[in-house]
């Protein structure tokens, strides 16, 4: 099980087409702050029907889109 699986399940269960989640929202879902390893794990989200469209370090958000 991936440490990011709770986030992937959140996306899948809420069934929205697009998400713009802040780092704080993601921390609330996961229970920990995302780190550099997210870049490696982000490819896993495709198994759940989403892709990472943009990671904004300035705005501290991640945009996910349904594929």
N, C-alpha and C. Protein backbone atom coordinates (compact mmCIF):
# COMPACT_ATOMS: atom_id res chain seq x y z
N UNK A 1 0.84 -1.19 0.00
CA UNK A 1 0.00 0.00 0.00
C UNK A 1 0.89 1.25 0.00
N UNK A 2 0.58 2.16 -0.87
CA UNK A 2 1.31 3.42 -0.97
C UNK A 2 0.92 4.35 0.18
N UNK A 3 1.87 5.16 0.61
CA UNK A 3 1.55 6.11 1.68
C UNK A 3 0.58 7.18 1.19
N UNK A 4 0.43 7.32 -0.11
CA UNK A 4 -0.50 8.30 -0.68
C UNK A 4 -1.86 7.71 -1.03
N UNK A 5 -2.07 6.44 -0.76
CA UNK A 5 -3.33 5.80 -1.11
C UNK A 5 -4.56 6.49 -0.51
N UNK A 6 -4.52 6.98 0.72
CA UNK A 6 -5.69 7.71 1.23
C UNK A 6 -6.08 8.92 0.36
N UNK A 7 -5.08 9.59 -0.20
CA UNK A 7 -5.36 10.71 -1.10
C UNK A 7 -5.98 10.22 -2.40
N UNK A 8 -5.44 9.16 -2.96
CA UNK A 8 -6.00 8.62 -4.20
C UNK A 8 -7.44 8.16 -3.98
N UNK A 9 -7.70 7.50 -2.86
CA UNK A 9 -9.06 7.07 -2.55
C UNK A 9 -10.00 8.26 -2.37
N UNK A 10 -9.52 9.33 -1.76
CA UNK A 10 -10.32 10.54 -1.60
C UNK A 10 -10.77 11.06 -2.96
N UNK A 11 -9.85 11.13 -3.90
CA UNK A 11 -10.18 11.60 -5.24
C UNK A 11 -11.22 10.70 -5.89
N UNK A 12 -10.99 9.42 -5.81
CA UNK A 12 -11.87 8.43 -6.45
C UNK A 12 -13.27 8.44 -5.84
N UNK A 13 -13.35 8.51 -4.52
CA UNK A 13 -14.64 8.44 -3.83
C UNK A 13 -15.50 9.68 -4.03
N UNK A 14 -14.87 10.84 -4.17
CA UNK A 14 -15.63 12.08 -4.33
C UNK A 14 -16.05 12.34 -5.77
N UNK A 15 -15.45 11.64 -6.71
CA UNK A 15 -15.87 11.60 -8.11
C UNK A 15 -16.04 12.95 -8.80
N UNK A 16 -15.22 13.92 -8.45
CA UNK A 16 -15.25 15.19 -9.17
C UNK A 16 -14.35 15.08 -10.40
N UNK A 17 -14.61 15.93 -11.39
CA UNK A 17 -13.79 15.91 -12.60
C UNK A 17 -12.42 16.54 -12.36
N UNK A 18 -12.40 17.59 -11.56
CA UNK A 18 -11.16 18.30 -11.28
C UNK A 18 -11.08 18.64 -9.80
N UNK A 19 -9.88 18.66 -9.29
CA UNK A 19 -9.62 19.06 -7.91
C UNK A 19 -8.48 20.06 -7.90
N UNK A 20 -8.61 21.08 -7.07
CA UNK A 20 -7.50 21.95 -6.73
C UNK A 20 -7.38 21.85 -5.22
N UNK A 21 -6.39 21.10 -4.77
CA UNK A 21 -6.21 20.88 -3.34
C UNK A 21 -4.98 21.61 -2.85
N UNK A 22 -5.12 22.27 -1.72
CA UNK A 22 -3.97 22.93 -1.12
C UNK A 22 -3.13 21.89 -0.39
N UNK A 23 -1.90 22.26 -0.12
CA UNK A 23 -1.03 21.36 0.65
C UNK A 23 -1.65 21.06 2.01
N UNK A 24 -2.32 22.05 2.63
CA UNK A 24 -2.96 21.83 3.93
C UNK A 24 -4.13 20.86 3.83
N UNK A 25 -4.93 20.96 2.76
CA UNK A 25 -6.03 20.02 2.56
C UNK A 25 -5.49 18.60 2.39
N UNK A 26 -4.41 18.48 1.64
CA UNK A 26 -3.79 17.17 1.44
C UNK A 26 -3.24 16.63 2.76
N UNK A 27 -2.66 17.51 3.56
CA UNK A 27 -2.16 17.09 4.87
C UNK A 27 -3.30 16.57 5.74
N UNK A 28 -4.47 17.21 5.68
CA UNK A 28 -5.63 16.75 6.45
C UNK A 28 -6.12 15.38 5.99
N UNK A 29 -6.04 15.13 4.70
CA UNK A 29 -6.47 13.84 4.14
C UNK A 29 -5.48 12.74 4.52
N UNK A 30 -4.19 13.04 4.39
CA UNK A 30 -3.15 12.03 4.59
C UNK A 30 -2.72 11.87 6.05
N UNK A 31 -2.76 12.97 6.79
CA UNK A 31 -2.25 12.94 8.15
C UNK A 31 -0.78 13.30 8.24
N UNK A 32 -0.19 13.69 7.12
CA UNK A 32 1.20 14.13 7.09
C UNK A 32 1.38 15.11 5.93
N UNK A 33 2.43 15.89 6.01
CA UNK A 33 2.76 16.87 4.97
C UNK A 33 3.42 16.17 3.80
N UNK A 34 3.00 16.50 2.58
CA UNK A 34 3.64 15.90 1.41
C UNK A 34 5.08 16.39 1.33
N UNK A 35 5.91 15.55 0.74
CA UNK A 35 7.31 15.89 0.59
C UNK A 35 7.74 15.62 -0.85
N UNK A 36 9.02 15.69 -1.08
CA UNK A 36 9.57 15.52 -2.43
C UNK A 36 9.21 14.15 -3.03
N UNK A 37 8.98 13.15 -2.19
CA UNK A 37 8.63 11.82 -2.69
C UNK A 37 7.32 11.82 -3.46
N UNK A 38 6.49 12.84 -3.27
CA UNK A 38 5.24 12.91 -4.01
C UNK A 38 5.49 12.86 -5.52
N UNK A 39 6.58 13.43 -5.96
CA UNK A 39 6.90 13.43 -7.38
C UNK A 39 7.05 12.02 -7.93
N UNK A 40 7.54 11.11 -7.11
CA UNK A 40 7.67 9.71 -7.51
C UNK A 40 6.32 9.01 -7.47
N UNK A 41 5.55 9.27 -6.43
CA UNK A 41 4.29 8.57 -6.22
C UNK A 41 3.14 9.09 -7.07
N UNK A 42 3.26 10.29 -7.62
CA UNK A 42 2.13 10.90 -8.33
C UNK A 42 1.64 10.06 -9.51
N UNK A 43 2.50 9.24 -10.08
CA UNK A 43 2.08 8.40 -11.21
C UNK A 43 1.06 7.34 -10.79
N UNK A 44 1.01 7.01 -9.49
CA UNK A 44 0.06 6.01 -9.00
C UNK A 44 -1.39 6.45 -9.16
N UNK A 45 -1.65 7.74 -9.16
CA UNK A 45 -3.02 8.24 -9.20
C UNK A 45 -3.74 7.84 -10.49
N UNK A 46 -2.99 7.52 -11.54
CA UNK A 46 -3.62 7.11 -12.80
C UNK A 46 -4.44 5.83 -12.63
N UNK A 47 -4.02 4.96 -11.70
CA UNK A 47 -4.78 3.74 -11.43
C UNK A 47 -6.16 4.06 -10.86
N UNK A 48 -6.32 5.26 -10.34
CA UNK A 48 -7.57 5.68 -9.72
C UNK A 48 -8.37 6.61 -10.62
N UNK A 49 -7.89 6.79 -11.85
CA UNK A 49 -8.62 7.57 -12.84
C UNK A 49 -8.32 9.05 -12.88
N UNK A 50 -7.20 9.46 -12.29
CA UNK A 50 -6.82 10.87 -12.26
C UNK A 50 -5.38 11.05 -12.68
N UNK A 51 -5.02 12.29 -12.99
CA UNK A 51 -3.64 12.64 -13.26
C UNK A 51 -3.32 13.96 -12.57
N UNK A 52 -2.06 14.15 -12.26
CA UNK A 52 -1.61 15.42 -11.69
C UNK A 52 -1.34 16.36 -12.86
N UNK A 53 -2.08 17.45 -12.89
CA UNK A 53 -1.95 18.41 -13.98
C UNK A 53 -0.90 19.47 -13.65
N UNK A 54 -0.90 19.95 -12.41
CA UNK A 54 0.03 21.01 -12.04
C UNK A 54 0.32 20.97 -10.55
N UNK A 55 1.57 21.17 -10.22
CA UNK A 55 1.99 21.34 -8.84
C UNK A 55 2.53 22.76 -8.72
N UNK A 56 1.87 23.58 -7.91
CA UNK A 56 2.30 24.96 -7.75
C UNK A 56 2.97 25.13 -6.39
N UNK A 57 4.27 25.34 -6.41
CA UNK A 57 5.00 25.59 -5.17
C UNK A 57 4.66 26.97 -4.62
N UNK A 58 4.42 27.92 -5.51
CA UNK A 58 4.10 29.28 -5.09
C UNK A 58 2.74 29.34 -4.39
N UNK A 59 1.72 28.74 -5.01
CA UNK A 59 0.37 28.77 -4.45
C UNK A 59 0.12 27.64 -3.46
N UNK A 60 1.05 26.70 -3.40
CA UNK A 60 0.94 25.52 -2.52
C UNK A 60 -0.35 24.75 -2.81
N UNK A 61 -0.53 24.45 -4.10
CA UNK A 61 -1.68 23.67 -4.54
C UNK A 61 -1.25 22.59 -5.53
N UNK A 62 -2.11 21.59 -5.64
CA UNK A 62 -1.92 20.54 -6.66
C UNK A 62 -3.25 20.40 -7.38
N UNK A 63 -3.19 20.40 -8.71
CA UNK A 63 -4.39 20.24 -9.52
C UNK A 63 -4.42 18.82 -10.06
N UNK A 64 -5.55 18.15 -9.82
CA UNK A 64 -5.78 16.80 -10.33
C UNK A 64 -6.93 16.87 -11.33
N UNK A 65 -6.86 16.07 -12.38
CA UNK A 65 -7.92 16.03 -13.39
C UNK A 65 -8.27 14.58 -13.67
N UNK A 66 -9.57 14.36 -13.84
CA UNK A 66 -10.04 13.02 -14.18
C UNK A 66 -9.63 12.70 -15.61
N UNK A 67 -9.16 11.44 -15.82
CA UNK A 67 -8.76 11.02 -17.16
C UNK A 67 -9.72 10.01 -17.74
